[in-house]
PDB file of all heavy atoms in Angstrom:
ATOM      1  N   LYS A   1      -3.978 -71.737 -64.207  1.00  0.00           N
ATOM      2  CA  LYS A   1      -3.335 -71.145 -63.040  1.00  0.00           C
ATOM      3  C   LYS A   1      -4.078 -69.927 -62.509  1.00  0.00           C
ATOM      4  O   LYS A   1      -4.114 -69.696 -61.275  1.00  0.00           O
ATOM      5  CB  LYS A   1      -1.883 -70.704 -63.447  1.00  0.00           C
ATOM      6  CG  LYS A   1      -1.081 -70.071 -62.335  1.00  0.00           C
ATOM      7  CD  LYS A   1       0.342 -69.690 -62.824  1.00  0.00           C
ATOM      8  CE  LYS A   1       1.117 -69.025 -61.707  1.00  0.00           C
ATOM      9  NZ  LYS A   1       2.487 -68.718 -62.131  1.00  0.00           N
ATOM     10  N   TYR A   2      -4.657 -69.166 -63.399  1.00  0.00           N
ATOM     11  CA  TYR A   2      -5.212 -67.885 -63.010  1.00  0.00           C
ATOM     12  C   TYR A   2      -6.792 -67.872 -63.069  1.00  0.00           C
ATOM     13  O   TYR A   2      -7.419 -66.831 -62.959  1.00  0.00           O
ATOM     14  CB  TYR A   2      -4.754 -66.746 -63.845  1.00  0.00           C
ATOM     15  CG  TYR A   2      -3.247 -66.509 -63.764  1.00  0.00           C
ATOM     16  CD1 TYR A   2      -2.381 -66.871 -64.791  1.00  0.00           C
ATOM     17  CD2 TYR A   2      -2.716 -65.948 -62.582  1.00  0.00           C
ATOM     18  CE1 TYR A   2      -1.010 -66.647 -64.613  1.00  0.00           C
ATOM     19  CE2 TYR A   2      -1.339 -65.767 -62.389  1.00  0.00           C
ATOM     20  CZ  TYR A   2      -0.492 -66.153 -63.477  1.00  0.00           C
ATOM     21  OH  TYR A   2       0.837 -65.907 -63.347  1.00  0.00           O
ATOM     22  N   LEU A   3      -7.392 -69.061 -63.082  1.00  0.00           N
ATOM     23  CA  LEU A   3      -8.820 -69.070 -63.057  1.00  0.00           C
ATOM     24  C   LEU A   3      -9.435 -68.680 -61.733  1.00  0.00           C
ATOM     25  O   LEU A   3      -8.914 -69.058 -60.646  1.00  0.00           O
ATOM     26  CB  LEU A   3      -9.302 -70.504 -63.432  1.00  0.00           C
ATOM     27  CG  LEU A   3      -9.706 -70.700 -64.883  1.00  0.00           C
ATOM     28  CD1 LEU A   3      -8.464 -70.558 -65.780  1.00  0.00           C
ATOM     29  CD2 LEU A   3     -10.357 -72.059 -65.144  1.00  0.00           C
ATOM     30  N   ARG A   4     -10.474 -67.873 -61.749  1.00  0.00           N
ATOM     31  CA  ARG A   4     -11.226 -67.473 -60.578  1.00  0.00           C
ATOM     32  C   ARG A   4     -12.358 -68.307 -60.278  1.00  0.00           C
ATOM     33  O   ARG A   4     -13.052 -68.154 -59.258  1.00  0.00           O
ATOM     34  CB  ARG A   4     -11.607 -65.964 -60.718  1.00  0.00           C
ATOM     35  CG  ARG A   4     -10.414 -65.043 -60.778  1.00  0.00           C
ATOM     36  CD  ARG A   4     -10.938 -63.579 -60.672  1.00  0.00           C
ATOM     37  NE  ARG A   4      -9.790 -62.631 -60.613  1.00  0.00           N
ATOM     38  CZ  ARG A   4      -9.388 -61.882 -61.621  1.00  0.00           C
ATOM     39  NH1 ARG A   4      -9.990 -62.056 -62.793  1.00  0.00           N
ATOM     40  NH2 ARG A   4      -8.382 -61.034 -61.496  1.00  0.00           N
ATOM     41  N   ILE A   5     -12.711 -69.251 -61.137  1.00  0.00           N
ATOM     42  CA  ILE A   5     -13.738 -70.199 -60.969  1.00  0.00           C
ATOM     43  C   ILE A   5     -13.233 -71.601 -61.462  1.00  0.00           C
ATOM     44  O   ILE A   5     -12.674 -71.673 -62.559  1.00  0.00           O
ATOM     45  CB  ILE A   5     -15.044 -69.888 -61.769  1.00  0.00           C
ATOM     46  CG1 ILE A   5     -15.506 -68.516 -61.475  1.00  0.00           C
ATOM     47  CG2 ILE A   5     -16.194 -70.879 -61.518  1.00  0.00           C
ATOM     48  CD1 ILE A   5     -16.668 -68.005 -62.372  1.00  0.00           C
ATOM     49  N   ARG A   6     -13.455 -72.607 -60.653  1.00  0.00           N
ATOM     50  CA  ARG A   6     -13.146 -73.971 -61.126  1.00  0.00           C
ATOM     51  C   ARG A   6     -14.229 -74.927 -60.532  1.00  0.00           C
ATOM     52  O   ARG A   6     -13.950 -75.680 -59.594  1.00  0.00           O
ATOM     53  CB  ARG A   6     -11.741 -74.388 -60.706  1.00  0.00           C
ATOM     54  CG  ARG A   6     -10.674 -73.519 -61.327  1.00  0.00           C
ATOM     55  CD  ARG A   6      -9.322 -74.191 -61.359  1.00  0.00           C
ATOM     56  NE  ARG A   6      -9.303 -75.352 -62.206  1.00  0.00           N
ATOM     57  CZ  ARG A   6      -8.256 -76.152 -62.395  1.00  0.00           C
ATOM     58  NH1 ARG A   6      -7.158 -75.926 -61.690  1.00  0.00           N
ATOM     59  NH2 ARG A   6      -8.289 -77.184 -63.269  1.00  0.00           N
ATOM     60  N   ARG A   7     -15.376 -74.891 -61.092  1.00  0.00           N
ATOM     61  CA  ARG A   7     -16.492 -75.764 -60.601  1.00  0.00           C
ATOM     62  C   ARG A   7     -17.585 -75.835 -61.619  1.00  0.00           C
ATOM     63  O   ARG A   7     -17.560 -75.138 -62.668  1.00  0.00           O
ATOM     64  CB  ARG A   7     -17.051 -75.120 -59.312  1.00  0.00           C
ATOM     65  CG  ARG A   7     -17.723 -73.734 -59.502  1.00  0.00           C
ATOM     66  CD  ARG A   7     -18.487 -73.322 -58.260  1.00  0.00           C
ATOM     67  NE  ARG A   7     -17.639 -73.401 -57.071  1.00  0.00           N
ATOM     68  CZ  ARG A   7     -18.033 -73.637 -55.851  1.00  0.00           C
ATOM     69  NH1 ARG A   7     -19.322 -73.937 -55.661  1.00  0.00           N
ATOM     70  NH2 ARG A   7     -17.263 -73.678 -54.855  1.00  0.00           N
ATOM     71  N   THR A   8     -18.474 -76.769 -61.385  1.00  0.00           N
ATOM     72  CA  THR A   8     -19.719 -76.908 -62.196  1.00  0.00           C
ATOM     73  C   THR A   8     -20.600 -75.785 -62.033  1.00  0.00           C
ATOM     74  O   THR A   8     -20.835 -75.376 -60.877  1.00  0.00           O
ATOM     75  CB  THR A   8     -20.363 -78.289 -61.866  1.00  0.00           C
ATOM     76  OG1 THR A   8     -19.466 -79.410 -62.169  1.00  0.00           O
ATOM     77  CG2 THR A   8     -21.635 -78.432 -62.701  1.00  0.00           C
ATOM     78  N   LEU A   9     -21.116 -75.217 -63.080  1.00  0.00           N
ATOM     79  CA  LEU A   9     -21.996 -74.099 -62.994  1.00  0.00           C
ATOM     80  C   LEU A   9     -23.420 -74.429 -62.528  1.00  0.00           C
ATOM     81  O   LEU A   9     -23.884 -75.528 -62.783  1.00  0.00           O
ATOM     82  CB  LEU A   9     -22.071 -73.398 -64.331  1.00  0.00           C
ATOM     83  CG  LEU A   9     -20.721 -72.931 -64.961  1.00  0.00           C
ATOM     84  CD1 LEU A   9     -20.986 -72.192 -66.282  1.00  0.00           C
ATOM     85  CD2 LEU A   9     -19.984 -72.057 -64.018  1.00  0.00           C
ATOM     86  N   GLU A  10     -24.039 -73.459 -61.790  1.00  0.00           N
ATOM     87  CA  GLU A  10     -25.435 -73.687 -61.282  1.00  0.00           C
ATOM     88  C   GLU A  10     -26.284 -72.625 -61.787  1.00  0.00           C
ATOM     89  O   GLU A  10     -25.798 -71.444 -62.078  1.00  0.00           O
ATOM     90  CB  GLU A  10     -25.380 -73.741 -59.715  1.00  0.00           C
ATOM     91  CG  GLU A  10     -24.503 -74.791 -59.176  1.00  0.00           C
ATOM     92  CD  GLU A  10     -24.537 -74.742 -57.572  1.00  0.00           C
ATOM     93  OE1 GLU A  10     -25.591 -74.850 -57.051  1.00  0.00           O
ATOM     94  OE2 GLU A  10     -23.447 -74.491 -57.069  1.00  0.00           O
ATOM     95  N   ALA A  11     -27.529 -72.868 -61.886  1.00  0.00           N
ATOM     96  CA  ALA A  11     -28.504 -71.845 -62.362  1.00  0.00           C
ATOM     97  C   ALA A  11     -28.454 -70.653 -61.451  1.00  0.00           C
ATOM     98  O   ALA A  11     -28.354 -70.730 -60.220  1.00  0.00           O
ATOM     99  CB  ALA A  11     -29.898 -72.516 -62.402  1.00  0.00           C
ATOM    100  N   ASN A  12     -28.525 -69.501 -62.072  1.00  0.00           N
ATOM    101  CA  ASN A  12     -28.639 -68.166 -61.423  1.00  0.00           C
ATOM    102  C   ASN A  12     -27.304 -67.741 -60.835  1.00  0.00           C
ATOM    103  O   ASN A  12     -27.223 -66.756 -60.052  1.00  0.00           O
ATOM    104  CB  ASN A  12     -29.764 -68.129 -60.325  1.00  0.00           C
ATOM    105  CG  ASN A  12     -31.088 -68.307 -60.919  1.00  0.00           C
ATOM    106  OD1 ASN A  12     -31.386 -67.878 -62.021  1.00  0.00           O
ATOM    107  ND2 ASN A  12     -31.992 -68.902 -60.189  1.00  0.00           N
ATOM    108  N   MET A  13     -26.204 -68.397 -61.217  1.00  0.00           N
ATOM    109  CA  MET A  13     -24.902 -67.772 -61.048  1.00  0.00           C
ATOM    110  C   MET A  13     -24.742 -66.642 -62.074  1.00  0.00           C
ATOM    111  O   MET A  13     -25.272 -66.770 -63.180  1.00  0.00           O
ATOM    112  CB  MET A  13     -23.771 -68.773 -61.252  1.00  0.00           C
ATOM    113  CG  MET A  13     -23.696 -69.892 -60.251  1.00  0.00           C
ATOM    114  SD  MET A  13     -22.461 -71.132 -60.605  1.00  0.00           S
ATOM    115  CE  MET A  13     -20.908 -70.159 -60.328  1.00  0.00           C
ATOM    116  N   VAL A  14     -24.209 -65.542 -61.687  1.00  0.00           N
ATOM    117  CA  VAL A  14     -23.939 -64.411 -62.587  1.00  0.00           C
ATOM    118  C   VAL A  14     -22.396 -64.325 -62.775  1.00  0.00           C
ATOM    119  O   VAL A  14     -21.628 -64.212 -61.811  1.00  0.00           O
ATOM    120  CB  VAL A  14     -24.469 -63.069 -62.060  1.00  0.00           C
ATOM    121  CG1 VAL A  14     -24.084 -61.933 -62.969  1.00  0.00           C
ATOM    122  CG2 VAL A  14     -25.954 -63.168 -61.910  1.00  0.00           C
ATOM    123  N   LEU A  15     -21.957 -64.387 -64.083  1.00  0.00           N
ATOM    124  CA  LEU A  15     -20.582 -64.511 -64.398  1.00  0.00           C
ATOM    125  C   LEU A  15     -20.205 -63.589 -65.495  1.00  0.00           C
ATOM    126  O   LEU A  15     -21.088 -63.060 -66.260  1.00  0.00           O
ATOM    127  CB  LEU A  15     -20.237 -65.917 -64.887  1.00  0.00           C
ATOM    128  CG  LEU A  15     -20.761 -67.075 -64.009  1.00  0.00           C
ATOM    129  CD1 LEU A  15     -20.609 -68.387 -64.841  1.00  0.00           C
ATOM    130  CD2 LEU A  15     -20.052 -67.194 -62.692  1.00  0.00           C
ATOM    131  N   THR A  16     -18.921 -63.307 -65.667  1.00  0.00           N
ATOM    132  CA  THR A  16     -18.473 -62.589 -66.863  1.00  0.00           C
ATOM    133  C   THR A  16     -17.788 -63.627 -67.768  1.00  0.00           C
ATOM    134  O   THR A  16     -17.216 -64.603 -67.256  1.00  0.00           O
ATOM    135  CB  THR A  16     -17.381 -61.501 -66.522  1.00  0.00           C
ATOM    136  OG1 THR A  16     -16.223 -62.149 -65.993  1.00  0.00           O
ATOM    137  CG2 THR A  16     -17.987 -60.481 -65.593  1.00  0.00           C
ATOM    138  N   ILE A  17     -17.911 -63.431 -69.026  1.00  0.00           N
ATOM    139  CA  ILE A  17     -17.164 -64.233 -70.070  1.00  0.00           C
ATOM    140  C   ILE A  17     -16.332 -63.252 -70.865  1.00  0.00           C
ATOM    141  O   ILE A  17     -16.832 -62.397 -71.567  1.00  0.00           O
ATOM    142  CB  ILE A  17     -18.142 -65.028 -70.967  1.00  0.00           C
ATOM    143  CG1 ILE A  17     -18.890 -66.024 -70.197  1.00  0.00           C
ATOM    144  CG2 ILE A  17     -17.345 -65.701 -72.073  1.00  0.00           C
ATOM    145  CD1 ILE A  17     -19.938 -66.875 -71.015  1.00  0.00           C
ATOM    146  N   GLU A  18     -15.014 -63.332 -70.593  1.00  0.00           N
ATOM    147  CA  GLU A  18     -14.165 -62.279 -71.161  1.00  0.00           C
ATOM    148  C   GLU A  18     -12.814 -62.868 -71.716  1.00  0.00           C
ATOM    149  O   GLU A  18     -11.718 -62.581 -71.126  1.00  0.00           O
ATOM    150  CB  GLU A  18     -13.828 -61.293 -69.991  1.00  0.00           C
ATOM    151  CG  GLU A  18     -13.342 -61.908 -68.625  1.00  0.00           C
ATOM    152  CD  GLU A  18     -12.967 -60.852 -67.628  1.00  0.00           C
ATOM    153  OE1 GLU A  18     -12.148 -59.944 -68.007  1.00  0.00           O
ATOM    154  OE2 GLU A  18     -13.504 -60.912 -66.566  1.00  0.00           O
ATOM    155  N   PRO A  19     -12.892 -63.579 -72.825  1.00  0.00           N
ATOM    156  CA  PRO A  19     -11.601 -64.006 -73.398  1.00  0.00           C
ATOM    157  C   PRO A  19     -10.895 -62.784 -74.031  1.00  0.00           C
ATOM    158  O   PRO A  19     -11.450 -61.684 -74.205  1.00  0.00           O
ATOM    159  CB  PRO A  19     -12.143 -64.876 -74.551  1.00  0.00           C
ATOM    160  CG  PRO A  19     -13.512 -64.359 -74.889  1.00  0.00           C
ATOM    161  CD  PRO A  19     -14.038 -63.862 -73.560  1.00  0.00           C
ATOM    162  N   GLY A  20      -9.631 -63.012 -74.232  1.00  0.00           N
ATOM    163  CA  GLY A  20      -8.824 -61.966 -74.791  1.00  0.00           C
ATOM    164  C   GLY A  20      -7.624 -62.489 -75.672  1.00  0.00           C
ATOM    165  O   GLY A  20      -7.338 -63.696 -75.633  1.00  0.00           O
ATOM    166  N   CYS A  21      -6.990 -61.641 -76.388  1.00  0.00           N
ATOM    167  CA  CYS A  21      -5.797 -61.975 -77.177  1.00  0.00           C
ATOM    168  C   CYS A  21      -4.855 -60.781 -77.125  1.00  0.00           C
ATOM    169  O   CYS A  21      -5.253 -59.705 -77.553  1.00  0.00           O
ATOM    170  CB  CYS A  21      -6.165 -62.297 -78.601  1.00  0.00           C
ATOM    171  SG  CYS A  21      -4.807 -62.753 -79.610  1.00  0.00           S
ATOM    172  N   TYR A  22      -3.672 -60.960 -76.524  1.00  0.00           N
ATOM    173  CA  TYR A  22      -2.742 -59.911 -76.274  1.00  0.00           C
ATOM    174  C   TYR A  22      -1.388 -60.232 -76.889  1.00  0.00           C
ATOM    175  O   TYR A  22      -0.989 -61.369 -77.034  1.00  0.00           O
ATOM    176  CB  TYR A  22      -2.678 -59.721 -74.761  1.00  0.00           C
ATOM    177  CG  TYR A  22      -3.995 -59.733 -74.043  1.00  0.00           C
ATOM    178  CD1 TYR A  22      -4.477 -60.881 -73.597  1.00  0.00           C
ATOM    179  CD2 TYR A  22      -4.693 -58.561 -73.867  1.00  0.00           C
ATOM    180  CE1 TYR A  22      -5.735 -60.951 -72.923  1.00  0.00           C
ATOM    181  CE2 TYR A  22      -5.908 -58.541 -73.185  1.00  0.00           C
ATOM    182  CZ  TYR A  22      -6.425 -59.777 -72.748  1.00  0.00           C
ATOM    183  OH  TYR A  22      -7.650 -59.775 -72.122  1.00  0.00           O
ATOM    184  N   PHE A  23      -0.645 -59.102 -77.052  1.00  0.00           N
ATOM    185  CA  PHE A  23       0.696 -59.255 -77.615  1.00  0.00           C
ATOM    186  C   PHE A  23       1.643 -58.520 -76.721  1.00  0.00           C
ATOM    187  O   PHE A  23       2.191 -57.409 -77.003  1.00  0.00           O
ATOM    188  CB  PHE A  23       0.745 -58.719 -79.021  1.00  0.00           C
ATOM    189  CG  PHE A  23      -0.196 -59.452 -79.977  1.00  0.00           C
ATOM    190  CD1 PHE A  23      -1.463 -58.984 -80.152  1.00  0.00           C
ATOM    191  CD2 PHE A  23       0.217 -60.612 -80.611  1.00  0.00           C
ATOM    192  CE1 PHE A  23      -2.401 -59.648 -80.978  1.00  0.00           C
ATOM    193  CE2 PHE A  23      -0.714 -61.332 -81.379  1.00  0.00           C
ATOM    194  CZ  PHE A  23      -1.938 -60.861 -81.578  1.00  0.00           C
ATOM    195  N   ALA A  24       1.947 -59.040 -75.504  1.00  0.00           N
ATOM    196  CA  ALA A  24       2.677 -58.364 -74.454  1.00  0.00           C
ATOM    197  C   ALA A  24       4.128 -58.929 -74.609  1.00  0.00           C
ATOM    198  O   ALA A  24       4.374 -60.135 -74.525  1.00  0.00           O
ATOM    199  CB  ALA A  24       2.136 -58.769 -73.092  1.00  0.00           C
ATOM    200  N   PRO A  25       5.118 -58.065 -74.829  1.00  0.00           N
ATOM    201  CA  PRO A  25       6.525 -58.497 -75.111  1.00  0.00           C
ATOM    202  C   PRO A  25       7.071 -59.423 -74.050  1.00  0.00           C
ATOM    203  O   PRO A  25       7.567 -60.494 -74.360  1.00  0.00           O
ATOM    204  CB  PRO A  25       7.229 -57.174 -75.186  1.00  0.00           C
ATOM    205  CG  PRO A  25       6.217 -56.154 -75.615  1.00  0.00           C
ATOM    206  CD  PRO A  25       4.949 -56.596 -74.967  1.00  0.00           C
ATOM    207  N   LEU A  26       7.004 -58.994 -72.825  1.00  0.00           N
ATOM    208  CA  LEU A  26       7.547 -59.809 -71.745  1.00  0.00           C
ATOM    209  C   LEU A  26       6.892 -61.248 -71.607  1.00  0.00           C
ATOM    210  O   LEU A  26       7.564 -62.218 -71.377  1.00  0.00           O
ATOM    211  CB  LEU A  26       7.513 -59.134 -70.384  1.00  0.00           C
ATOM    212  CG  LEU A  26       8.410 -57.904 -70.212  1.00  0.00           C
ATOM    213  CD1 LEU A  26       8.132 -57.190 -68.905  1.00  0.00           C
ATOM    214  CD2 LEU A  26       9.910 -58.336 -70.204  1.00  0.00           C
ATOM    215  N   LEU A  27       5.627 -61.229 -71.762  1.00  0.00           N
ATOM    216  CA  LEU A  27       4.866 -62.474 -71.661  1.00  0.00           C
ATOM    217  C   LEU A  27       5.200 -63.386 -72.837  1.00  0.00           C
ATOM    218  O   LEU A  27       5.409 -64.607 -72.618  1.00  0.00           O
ATOM    219  CB  LEU A  27       3.312 -62.198 -71.565  1.00  0.00           C
ATOM    220  CG  LEU A  27       2.494 -63.352 -71.079  1.00  0.00           C
ATOM    221  CD1 LEU A  27       2.919 -63.811 -69.707  1.00  0.00           C
ATOM    222  CD2 LEU A  27       1.021 -62.908 -71.050  1.00  0.00           C
ATOM    223  N   MET A  28       5.269 -62.805 -74.038  1.00  0.00           N
ATOM    224  CA  MET A  28       5.584 -63.700 -75.204  1.00  0.00           C
ATOM    225  C   MET A  28       7.004 -64.269 -75.023  1.00  0.00           C
ATOM    226  O   MET A  28       7.209 -65.437 -75.351  1.00  0.00           O
ATOM    227  CB  MET A  28       5.505 -62.906 -76.452  1.00  0.00           C
ATOM    228  CG  MET A  28       4.063 -62.546 -76.898  1.00  0.00           C
ATOM    229  SD  MET A  28       3.950 -61.811 -78.549  1.00  0.00           S
ATOM    230  CE  MET A  28       4.650 -60.170 -78.216  1.00  0.00           C
ATOM    231  N   GLU A  29       7.946 -63.483 -74.463  1.00  0.00           N
ATOM    232  CA  GLU A  29       9.292 -63.966 -74.260  1.00  0.00           C
ATOM    233  C   GLU A  29       9.341 -65.053 -73.152  1.00  0.00           C
ATOM    234  O   GLU A  29      10.001 -66.071 -73.307  1.00  0.00           O
ATOM    235  CB  GLU A  29      10.172 -62.824 -73.826  1.00  0.00           C
ATOM    236  CG  GLU A  29      10.691 -61.923 -74.966  1.00  0.00           C
ATOM    237  CD  GLU A  29      11.797 -60.962 -74.566  1.00  0.00           C
ATOM    238  OE1 GLU A  29      11.663 -60.408 -73.455  1.00  0.00           O
ATOM    239  OE2 GLU A  29      12.770 -60.864 -75.241  1.00  0.00           O
ATOM    240  N   SER A  30       8.539 -64.834 -72.049  1.00  0.00           N
ATOM    241  CA  SER A  30       8.670 -65.810 -70.966  1.00  0.00           C
ATOM    242  C   SER A  30       8.090 -67.097 -71.281  1.00  0.00           C
ATOM    243  O   SER A  30       8.592 -68.209 -70.809  1.00  0.00           O
ATOM    244  CB  SER A  30       7.825 -65.244 -69.745  1.00  0.00           C
ATOM    245  OG  SER A  30       6.455 -65.147 -70.038  1.00  0.00           O
ATOM    246  N   VAL A  31       7.036 -67.162 -72.206  1.00  0.00           N
ATOM    247  CA  VAL A  31       6.460 -68.425 -72.624  1.00  0.00           C
ATOM    248  C   VAL A  31       7.271 -69.026 -73.792  1.00  0.00           C
ATOM    249  O   VAL A  31       7.024 -70.180 -74.135  1.00  0.00           O
ATOM    250  CB  VAL A  31       4.996 -68.205 -73.028  1.00  0.00           C
ATOM    251  CG1 VAL A  31       4.311 -69.526 -73.462  1.00  0.00           C
ATOM    252  CG2 VAL A  31       4.238 -67.686 -71.744  1.00  0.00           C
ATOM    253  N   GLY A  32       8.170 -68.271 -74.429  1.00  0.00           N
ATOM    254  CA  GLY A  32       8.951 -68.738 -75.515  1.00  0.00           C
ATOM    255  C   GLY A  32       8.323 -68.591 -76.908  1.00  0.00           C
ATOM    256  O   GLY A  32       8.753 -69.140 -77.884  1.00  0.00           O
ATOM    257  N   ALA A  33       7.278 -67.695 -76.954  1.00  0.00           N
ATOM    258  CA  ALA A  33       6.585 -67.512 -78.214  1.00  0.00           C
ATOM    259  C   ALA A  33       7.428 -66.833 -79.257  1.00  0.00           C
ATOM    260  O   ALA A  33       7.118 -66.920 -80.466  1.00  0.00           O
ATOM    261  CB  ALA A  33       5.268 -66.686 -77.947  1.00  0.00           C
ATOM    262  N   LEU A  34       8.484 -66.099 -78.944  1.00  0.00           N
ATOM    263  CA  LEU A  34       9.252 -65.386 -79.903  1.00  0.00           C
ATOM    264  C   LEU A  34      10.363 -66.243 -80.472  1.00  0.00           C
ATOM    265  O   LEU A  34      11.079 -65.860 -81.389  1.00  0.00           O
ATOM    266  CB  LEU A  34       9.876 -64.096 -79.210  1.00  0.00           C
ATOM    267  CG  LEU A  34       8.809 -63.111 -78.771  1.00  0.00           C
ATOM    268  CD1 LEU A  34       9.477 -61.907 -78.070  1.00  0.00           C
ATOM    269  CD2 LEU A  34       7.925 -62.611 -79.934  1.00  0.00           C
ATOM    270  N   THR A  35      10.670 -67.411 -79.840  1.00  0.00           N
ATOM    271  CA  THR A  35      11.808 -68.264 -80.325  1.00  0.00           C
ATOM    272  C   THR A  35      11.433 -69.657 -80.607  1.00  0.00           C
ATOM    273  O   THR A  35      12.186 -70.414 -81.293  1.00  0.00           O
ATOM    274  CB  THR A  35      12.854 -68.292 -79.289  1.00  0.00           C
ATOM    275  OG1 THR A  35      12.312 -68.762 -77.986  1.00  0.00           O
ATOM    276  CG2 THR A  35      13.500 -66.932 -78.979  1.00  0.00           C
ATOM    277  N   ASN A  36      10.200 -70.104 -80.297  1.00  0.00           N
ATOM    278  CA  ASN A  36       9.738 -71.473 -80.482  1.00  0.00           C
ATOM    279  C   ASN A  36       9.548 -71.695 -81.974  1.00  0.00           C
ATOM    280  O   ASN A  36       8.959 -70.944 -82.706  1.00  0.00           O
ATOM    281  CB  ASN A  36       8.418 -71.728 -79.742  1.00  0.00           C
ATOM    282  CG  ASN A  36       8.203 -73.235 -79.579  1.00  0.00           C
ATOM    283  OD1 ASN A  36       8.048 -73.925 -80.567  1.00  0.00           O
ATOM    284  ND2 ASN A  36       8.110 -73.668 -78.327  1.00  0.00           N
TER     285      ASN A  36
END
């Protein structure tokens, strides 16, 4: 849903690679992570 790129990569593209892991209360609740 939130991707800013959705294509095959080409040489000399400059990109960031920035994975993360977060523990946001509202987000965990909205996805059902606190009750599943």
